[in-house]
N, C-alpha and C. Protein backbone atom coordinates (compact mmCIF):
# COMPACT_ATOMS: atom_id res chain seq x y z
N ALA A 1 -4.62 24.56 67.02
CA ALA A 1 -4.69 25.23 65.80
C ALA A 1 -4.44 24.56 64.36
N ASP A 2 -4.86 25.00 63.43
CA ASP A 2 -4.44 24.20 62.09
C ASP A 2 -3.22 25.13 61.46
N ILE A 3 -2.46 24.23 60.90
CA ILE A 3 -1.38 24.70 60.35
C ILE A 3 -1.23 24.90 59.09
N TYR A 4 -0.56 25.77 58.46
CA TYR A 4 -0.58 26.36 57.06
C TYR A 4 0.93 26.36 56.69
N ILE A 5 1.41 25.73 55.98
CA ILE A 5 2.83 26.44 55.07
C ILE A 5 2.48 26.76 53.84
N ASP A 6 2.76 28.04 53.45
CA ASP A 6 2.66 28.60 52.40
C ASP A 6 1.16 28.44 51.65
N GLY A 7 0.19 28.37 52.46
CA GLY A 7 -1.26 28.23 52.16
C GLY A 7 -1.47 27.11 52.03
N THR A 8 -0.91 25.89 52.21
CA THR A 8 -1.16 24.45 52.29
C THR A 8 -1.52 23.99 53.78
N HIS A 9 -2.81 23.51 53.86
CA HIS A 9 -3.02 22.85 55.26
C HIS A 9 -2.33 21.72 55.51
N MET A 10 -1.48 21.88 56.55
CA MET A 10 -0.57 20.66 57.05
C MET A 10 -1.14 19.76 57.96
N GLY A 11 -2.13 20.33 58.83
CA GLY A 11 -2.57 19.50 59.74
C GLY A 11 -2.73 20.28 60.88
N ARG A 12 -3.04 19.66 62.32
CA ARG A 12 -3.36 20.61 63.49
C ARG A 12 -2.15 20.26 64.40
N THR A 13 -2.19 21.33 65.38
CA THR A 13 -1.26 21.50 66.33
C THR A 13 -1.35 20.32 67.50
N PRO A 14 -0.67 19.54 68.14
CA PRO A 14 0.84 19.75 67.79
C PRO A 14 1.25 18.74 66.68
N LEU A 15 2.23 19.32 65.84
CA LEU A 15 2.66 18.58 64.47
C LEU A 15 4.19 18.91 64.14
N THR A 16 4.65 18.07 63.80
CA THR A 16 5.88 18.01 63.26
C THR A 16 5.84 18.00 61.81
N VAL A 17 6.52 18.87 61.14
CA VAL A 17 6.50 19.02 59.55
C VAL A 17 8.00 18.60 58.89
N SER A 18 8.13 17.57 58.38
CA SER A 18 9.41 17.46 57.63
C SER A 18 9.22 17.65 56.24
N GLY A 19 10.59 17.67 55.45
CA GLY A 19 10.42 17.90 54.18
C GLY A 19 10.38 19.47 53.49
N ILE A 20 10.57 20.35 54.46
CA ILE A 20 10.42 21.53 54.18
C ILE A 20 11.61 21.88 53.03
N THR A 21 11.45 22.67 51.94
CA THR A 21 12.35 22.93 51.05
C THR A 21 13.29 24.19 51.07
N LEU A 22 14.23 24.40 50.57
CA LEU A 22 15.07 25.51 50.72
C LEU A 22 14.41 26.73 50.38
N GLY A 23 14.55 27.96 50.86
CA GLY A 23 13.78 29.21 50.39
C GLY A 23 13.04 29.70 51.57
N GLU A 24 12.25 30.72 50.94
CA GLU A 24 11.36 31.43 52.14
C GLU A 24 9.92 30.64 52.03
N HIS A 25 9.26 30.76 53.19
CA HIS A 25 8.03 29.83 53.56
C HIS A 25 7.21 30.90 54.67
N GLU A 26 6.00 30.70 54.47
CA GLU A 26 5.14 31.43 55.52
C GLU A 26 4.42 30.22 56.28
N ILE A 27 4.70 30.46 57.73
CA ILE A 27 3.96 29.59 58.60
C ILE A 27 2.57 30.38 59.04
N GLU A 28 1.47 29.76 59.24
CA GLU A 28 0.39 30.37 59.76
C GLU A 28 -0.50 29.49 60.61
N LEU A 29 -0.93 29.93 61.69
CA LEU A 29 -1.70 29.21 62.81
C LEU A 29 -3.07 29.60 62.69
N ARG A 30 -4.15 29.25 62.47
CA ARG A 30 -5.47 29.34 62.42
C ARG A 30 -6.39 28.72 63.66
N LYS A 31 -6.99 29.50 64.18
CA LYS A 31 -8.09 28.87 65.17
C LYS A 31 -9.06 29.88 65.22
N SER A 32 -10.29 29.18 65.23
CA SER A 32 -11.75 29.85 65.48
C SER A 32 -11.93 30.81 66.57
N GLY A 33 -11.94 32.09 66.40
CA GLY A 33 -12.22 32.79 67.83
C GLY A 33 -10.60 33.48 68.14
N TYR A 34 -9.52 33.19 67.27
CA TYR A 34 -8.38 33.89 67.64
C TYR A 34 -7.80 34.39 66.30
N GLN A 35 -6.88 35.63 66.60
CA GLN A 35 -6.01 35.99 65.67
C GLN A 35 -5.15 34.97 64.96
N THR A 36 -4.86 35.08 63.44
CA THR A 36 -3.98 34.37 62.87
C THR A 36 -2.72 34.77 63.30
N TRP A 37 -1.93 33.79 63.47
CA TRP A 37 -0.50 33.85 63.87
C TRP A 37 0.23 33.58 62.43
N VAL A 38 1.24 34.39 61.97
CA VAL A 38 1.77 34.29 61.12
C VAL A 38 3.51 34.46 61.35
N LYS A 39 4.29 33.56 60.67
CA LYS A 39 5.68 33.82 60.68
C LYS A 39 6.45 33.58 59.29
N GLU A 40 7.15 34.44 58.85
CA GLU A 40 8.05 34.36 57.70
C GLU A 40 9.30 33.62 58.02
N ILE A 41 9.56 32.46 57.34
CA ILE A 41 11.05 31.96 57.87
C ILE A 41 11.90 31.82 56.30
N ASP A 42 13.09 31.50 56.69
CA ASP A 42 14.01 31.42 55.43
C ASP A 42 14.75 30.30 55.67
N VAL A 43 14.78 28.96 55.05
CA VAL A 43 15.13 27.78 55.22
C VAL A 43 16.58 27.74 54.24
N THR A 44 17.63 27.84 54.86
CA THR A 44 18.96 27.79 54.25
C THR A 44 19.67 26.27 54.43
N GLU A 45 20.62 26.40 53.98
CA GLU A 45 21.40 24.94 53.86
C GLU A 45 21.80 24.52 55.15
N ALA A 46 22.01 25.53 55.83
CA ALA A 46 22.44 25.36 57.39
C ALA A 46 21.22 24.83 58.20
N ALA A 47 20.05 25.50 57.99
CA ALA A 47 18.85 25.20 58.54
C ALA A 47 18.42 24.01 58.18
N LEU A 48 18.80 23.25 57.30
CA LEU A 48 17.92 22.03 56.76
C LEU A 48 18.38 20.77 57.92
N ARG A 49 19.47 21.06 58.69
CA ARG A 49 19.62 20.05 59.72
C ARG A 49 19.13 20.49 60.93
N THR A 50 18.28 21.53 61.06
CA THR A 50 17.64 21.99 62.34
C THR A 50 16.24 21.65 62.40
N THR A 51 15.86 21.16 63.38
CA THR A 51 14.42 21.21 63.98
C THR A 51 13.97 22.35 64.56
N TRP A 52 13.23 23.16 64.05
CA TRP A 52 12.61 24.57 64.39
C TRP A 52 11.40 24.12 65.41
N SER A 53 11.22 25.00 66.26
CA SER A 53 10.18 24.62 67.26
C SER A 53 9.45 26.09 67.54
N TYR A 54 8.20 26.42 67.36
CA TYR A 54 7.36 27.49 67.56
C TYR A 54 6.29 27.13 68.49
N ASN A 55 5.92 28.07 69.42
CA ASN A 55 4.99 27.71 70.51
C ASN A 55 4.42 29.04 70.63
N PRO A 56 3.62 29.85 69.62
CA PRO A 56 3.23 31.01 69.92
C PRO A 56 1.75 30.68 70.97
N THR A 57 1.40 31.86 71.63
CA THR A 57 0.22 31.88 72.23
C THR A 57 -0.84 32.83 71.20
N LEU A 58 -1.97 32.17 70.98
CA LEU A 58 -2.70 32.73 70.13
C LEU A 58 -3.55 33.78 70.95
N ILE A 59 -3.83 34.83 70.31
CA ILE A 59 -4.58 35.85 70.98
C ILE A 59 -5.83 35.98 70.64
N GLY A 60 -6.93 35.87 71.73
CA GLY A 60 -8.36 35.95 71.29
C GLY A 60 -8.74 37.06 70.46
N VAL A 61 -9.45 37.06 69.68
CA VAL A 61 -9.84 38.26 68.69
C VAL A 61 -10.86 38.95 69.72
N THR A 62 -10.55 40.36 69.58
CA THR A 62 -11.45 41.37 70.42
C THR A 62 -12.06 42.26 69.55
N TYR A 63 -13.25 42.76 70.01
CA TYR A 63 -14.00 43.78 69.07
C TYR A 63 -14.35 45.19 69.53
N ALA A 64 -14.50 45.76 68.72
CA ALA A 64 -14.78 47.18 68.93
C ALA A 64 -16.46 47.47 68.76
N GLY A 65 -16.86 48.62 69.18
CA GLY A 65 -18.21 48.94 68.78
C GLY A 65 -18.38 50.28 68.42
N ILE A 66 -19.19 50.73 67.43
CA ILE A 66 -19.37 51.96 66.83
C ILE A 66 -20.92 52.38 66.81
N ARG A 67 -21.12 53.41 67.47
CA ARG A 67 -22.42 53.95 67.49
C ARG A 67 -22.65 55.04 66.35
N ILE A 68 -23.40 54.66 65.48
CA ILE A 68 -23.50 55.76 64.15
C ILE A 68 -24.93 56.17 64.32
N THR A 69 -24.97 57.59 64.06
CA THR A 69 -26.54 58.35 64.05
C THR A 69 -26.19 59.40 63.06
N SER A 70 -27.15 59.87 62.58
CA SER A 70 -26.87 60.88 61.55
C SER A 70 -28.04 61.95 61.57
N LYS A 71 -27.93 63.08 60.97
CA LYS A 71 -28.94 64.03 60.69
C LYS A 71 -29.17 64.29 59.10
N PRO A 72 -30.25 64.05 58.49
CA PRO A 72 -31.45 63.39 59.08
C PRO A 72 -31.10 61.85 59.52
N ALA A 73 -31.99 61.28 59.90
CA ALA A 73 -31.86 59.68 60.39
C ALA A 73 -31.99 58.85 59.35
N ASP A 74 -32.12 57.67 59.64
CA ASP A 74 -32.61 56.50 58.51
C ASP A 74 -31.76 56.54 57.29
N ALA A 75 -30.46 56.91 57.44
CA ALA A 75 -29.65 56.41 56.34
C ALA A 75 -29.15 55.26 56.57
N ASP A 76 -28.69 54.58 55.32
CA ASP A 76 -28.16 53.31 55.29
C ASP A 76 -26.91 53.43 55.62
N ILE A 77 -26.28 52.19 56.58
CA ILE A 77 -25.01 52.12 57.13
C ILE A 77 -24.44 51.03 56.46
N TYR A 78 -23.12 51.20 55.58
CA TYR A 78 -22.23 50.31 55.23
C TYR A 78 -21.04 50.14 55.98
N ILE A 79 -20.43 49.16 56.38
CA ILE A 79 -19.21 49.03 56.90
C ILE A 79 -18.25 47.91 56.03
N ASP A 80 -17.63 48.29 55.47
CA ASP A 80 -16.69 47.45 54.43
C ASP A 80 -17.28 46.99 53.32
N GLY A 81 -18.33 47.84 52.83
CA GLY A 81 -19.33 47.44 51.87
C GLY A 81 -20.39 46.78 52.19
N ILE A 82 -20.65 46.22 53.42
CA ILE A 82 -21.80 45.44 53.88
C ILE A 82 -22.61 46.16 54.68
N HIS A 83 -24.06 46.07 54.17
CA HIS A 83 -25.02 46.92 54.61
C HIS A 83 -25.06 46.26 56.22
N MET A 84 -25.30 47.25 57.14
CA MET A 84 -25.43 46.77 58.50
C MET A 84 -26.98 47.26 59.20
N GLY A 85 -27.61 48.29 58.29
CA GLY A 85 -28.84 48.73 58.91
C GLY A 85 -28.82 50.31 58.74
N ARG A 86 -29.83 50.66 59.52
CA ARG A 86 -30.04 52.43 59.55
C ARG A 86 -29.66 53.06 60.66
N THR A 87 -29.39 54.35 60.45
CA THR A 87 -29.19 55.11 61.55
C THR A 87 -30.33 55.37 62.26
N PRO A 88 -30.61 55.66 63.51
CA PRO A 88 -29.36 55.40 64.59
C PRO A 88 -29.05 54.06 64.80
N LEU A 89 -27.92 53.41 65.17
CA LEU A 89 -27.76 52.17 65.16
C LEU A 89 -26.15 51.84 66.04
N THR A 90 -26.04 51.04 66.84
CA THR A 90 -24.64 50.65 67.48
C THR A 90 -24.28 49.42 66.88
N VAL A 91 -23.07 49.17 66.16
CA VAL A 91 -22.64 48.26 65.38
C VAL A 91 -21.54 47.42 66.36
N SER A 92 -21.83 46.30 66.94
CA SER A 92 -20.54 45.79 67.37
C SER A 92 -19.94 44.73 66.72
N GLY A 93 -18.84 44.33 67.33
CA GLY A 93 -17.93 42.98 66.48
C GLY A 93 -17.02 43.54 65.39
N ILE A 94 -16.66 44.83 65.79
CA ILE A 94 -15.84 45.54 64.56
C ILE A 94 -14.41 45.09 65.04
N THR A 95 -13.66 44.26 64.19
CA THR A 95 -12.28 43.76 64.36
C THR A 95 -11.00 44.91 64.29
N LEU A 96 -10.03 44.35 64.90
CA LEU A 96 -8.69 45.32 64.52
C LEU A 96 -8.48 45.46 63.03
N GLY A 97 -8.05 46.64 62.69
CA GLY A 97 -7.70 46.90 61.41
C GLY A 97 -8.17 48.03 60.71
N GLU A 98 -7.98 48.33 59.43
CA GLU A 98 -8.76 49.54 58.99
C GLU A 98 -10.18 48.92 58.23
N HIS A 99 -11.17 49.93 58.43
CA HIS A 99 -12.60 49.71 58.15
C HIS A 99 -13.12 51.02 57.44
N GLU A 100 -13.97 50.86 56.55
CA GLU A 100 -14.66 52.16 55.85
C GLU A 100 -16.25 52.02 56.33
N ILE A 101 -16.59 53.25 56.85
CA ILE A 101 -17.89 53.57 57.23
C ILE A 101 -18.56 54.35 56.16
N GLU A 102 -19.65 53.94 55.75
CA GLU A 102 -20.30 54.77 54.63
C GLU A 102 -21.76 55.09 55.03
N LEU A 103 -22.31 56.16 54.82
CA LEU A 103 -23.82 56.62 55.05
C LEU A 103 -24.46 56.88 53.71
N ARG A 104 -25.42 56.51 53.48
CA ARG A 104 -26.20 56.61 52.09
C ARG A 104 -27.61 57.24 52.26
N LYS A 105 -28.12 58.03 51.93
CA LYS A 105 -29.58 58.50 51.89
C LYS A 105 -29.98 59.14 50.77
N SER A 106 -31.10 58.71 50.16
CA SER A 106 -31.61 59.37 48.84
C SER A 106 -31.76 60.87 48.97
N GLY A 107 -31.22 61.35 47.84
CA GLY A 107 -31.38 63.06 48.16
C GLY A 107 -30.37 63.77 48.78
N TYR A 108 -29.20 62.74 49.23
CA TYR A 108 -28.06 63.24 50.14
C TYR A 108 -26.75 62.72 49.51
N GLN A 109 -25.87 63.37 49.70
CA GLN A 109 -24.40 63.24 49.63
C GLN A 109 -24.10 62.00 50.34
N THR A 110 -23.45 61.12 49.76
CA THR A 110 -22.82 59.84 50.61
C THR A 110 -21.59 60.47 51.57
N TRP A 111 -21.82 59.90 52.80
CA TRP A 111 -20.77 60.30 53.74
C TRP A 111 -19.75 58.95 53.91
N VAL A 112 -18.37 59.22 53.84
CA VAL A 112 -17.60 58.22 54.06
C VAL A 112 -16.34 58.63 54.96
N LYS A 113 -16.08 57.47 55.97
CA LYS A 113 -15.22 57.73 57.00
C LYS A 113 -14.02 56.33 56.86
N GLU A 114 -12.73 56.69 56.89
CA GLU A 114 -12.03 55.62 57.16
C GLU A 114 -11.52 55.63 58.48
N ILE A 115 -11.73 54.25 59.35
CA ILE A 115 -10.90 54.28 60.54
C ILE A 115 -10.16 53.05 60.87
N ASP A 116 -9.40 53.35 61.81
CA ASP A 116 -8.32 52.05 61.82
C ASP A 116 -8.48 51.74 63.49
N VAL A 117 -9.06 50.59 63.66
CA VAL A 117 -9.22 50.12 64.88
C VAL A 117 -8.11 49.58 65.46
N THR A 118 -7.60 49.90 66.79
CA THR A 118 -6.12 49.92 67.33
C THR A 118 -6.47 48.85 68.46
N GLU A 119 -5.38 48.14 69.06
CA GLU A 119 -5.76 47.72 70.54
C GLU A 119 -6.22 48.61 71.41
N ALA A 120 -5.69 49.85 71.49
CA ALA A 120 -6.13 51.00 72.51
C ALA A 120 -7.70 51.13 72.13
N ALA A 121 -8.09 51.11 70.96
CA ALA A 121 -9.62 51.52 70.70
C ALA A 121 -10.52 50.38 70.99
N LEU A 122 -10.18 49.42 71.29
CA LEU A 122 -11.00 47.97 71.09
C LEU A 122 -12.14 48.06 72.47
N ARG A 123 -11.79 48.82 73.48
CA ARG A 123 -12.66 48.96 74.58
C ARG A 123 -13.52 50.10 74.64
N THR A 124 -13.61 50.81 73.44
CA THR A 124 -14.20 51.97 73.15
C THR A 124 -15.25 51.80 72.25
N THR A 125 -16.52 52.45 72.57
CA THR A 125 -17.46 52.63 71.62
C THR A 125 -17.40 54.06 70.78
N TRP A 126 -16.95 53.82 69.56
CA TRP A 126 -16.75 55.02 68.97
C TRP A 126 -18.39 55.55 68.65
N SER A 127 -18.21 56.93 68.32
CA SER A 127 -19.65 57.59 68.03
C SER A 127 -19.66 58.50 66.86
N TYR A 128 -20.29 58.41 65.81
CA TYR A 128 -20.06 59.20 64.61
C TYR A 128 -21.35 59.82 64.27
N ASN A 129 -21.67 61.03 64.27
CA ASN A 129 -23.02 61.96 64.06
C ASN A 129 -22.87 62.93 62.94
N PRO A 130 -22.47 62.35 61.60
CA PRO A 130 -22.62 63.36 60.38
C PRO A 130 -23.85 63.92 60.03
N THR A 131 -23.89 65.21 59.77
CA THR A 131 -24.86 65.94 59.10
C THR A 131 -24.82 65.96 57.58
N LEU A 132 -25.89 65.15 57.02
CA LEU A 132 -25.76 64.87 55.54
C LEU A 132 -26.04 66.05 55.01
N ILE A 133 -25.39 66.22 53.90
CA ILE A 133 -25.47 67.39 52.84
C ILE A 133 -26.65 67.04 51.86
N GLY A 134 -27.61 67.74 51.54
CA GLY A 134 -28.64 67.45 50.64
C GLY A 134 -27.99 67.82 49.40
N VAL A 135 -28.40 67.04 48.33
CA VAL A 135 -28.04 67.12 46.81
C VAL A 135 -28.91 68.33 46.39
N THR A 136 -28.13 69.38 45.76
CA THR A 136 -28.85 70.30 45.01
C THR A 136 -28.97 70.26 43.67
N TYR A 137 -30.04 70.54 43.19
CA TYR A 137 -30.23 70.54 41.74
C TYR A 137 -30.29 71.99 40.96
N ALA A 138 -29.66 72.23 39.93
CA ALA A 138 -29.80 73.43 39.14
C ALA A 138 -30.97 73.47 38.14
N GLY A 139 -31.61 74.41 37.65
CA GLY A 139 -32.24 74.38 36.46
C GLY A 139 -31.78 75.13 35.45
N ILE A 140 -31.91 74.70 34.13
CA ILE A 140 -31.54 75.52 32.75
C ILE A 140 -32.77 75.98 32.13
N ARG A 141 -32.59 77.22 31.60
CA ARG A 141 -33.69 77.77 30.81
C ARG A 141 -33.02 77.77 29.44
N ILE A 142 -33.64 77.15 28.35
CA ILE A 142 -33.17 77.29 27.11
C ILE A 142 -34.01 77.80 26.02
N THR A 143 -33.73 79.02 25.36
CA THR A 143 -34.41 79.56 24.31
C THR A 143 -33.66 79.53 23.17
N SER A 144 -34.38 79.69 21.87
CA SER A 144 -33.99 79.47 20.64
C SER A 144 -34.49 80.82 19.71
N LYS A 145 -33.60 80.88 18.84
CA LYS A 145 -34.17 81.78 17.79
C LYS A 145 -33.93 81.16 16.42
N PRO A 146 -34.85 80.89 15.82
CA PRO A 146 -36.44 81.00 15.80
C PRO A 146 -36.89 79.97 16.85
N ALA A 147 -37.89 80.36 17.61
CA ALA A 147 -38.53 79.83 18.63
C ALA A 147 -38.85 78.22 18.10
N ASP A 148 -39.55 77.40 18.99
CA ASP A 148 -40.06 75.81 18.50
C ASP A 148 -38.98 74.94 17.91
N ALA A 149 -37.53 75.23 18.57
CA ALA A 149 -36.61 74.15 18.03
C ALA A 149 -36.71 72.91 18.99
N ASP A 150 -36.16 71.82 18.26
CA ASP A 150 -36.27 70.60 18.88
C ASP A 150 -34.90 70.62 19.78
N ILE A 151 -35.14 70.04 21.16
CA ILE A 151 -34.07 70.07 21.94
C ILE A 151 -33.87 68.51 22.45
């Protein structure tokens, strides 16, 4: 895995990093296909003479699926602002964390749903089937005295 300290790439595991300064630091391990591992440390005077060892087990990234339909169909689907296609559609590859689902269709109000994909939900295909509400338009009748005024 790639090792980052305070956002600076230090190398790949296994690696011993020396010369860490006093104060708070963030250690990150990144590997494609795995969740990023993050550890906050506070290096004190007493800790300067210590070699810290971390041996985390990286967890593979897992995904959820979402089945999205709408009434009427053919609404544009956006997840986190990215266009995914049109309803009906099953979107796979949704990662852990918070996401925003948005449905847009001309002549209808935009539908928005915030979801939080948790570990428990990863093996679930969620299903949303909103009825989109049509946009209504009002009319205005204008008269004037005298008639023929410019509007």
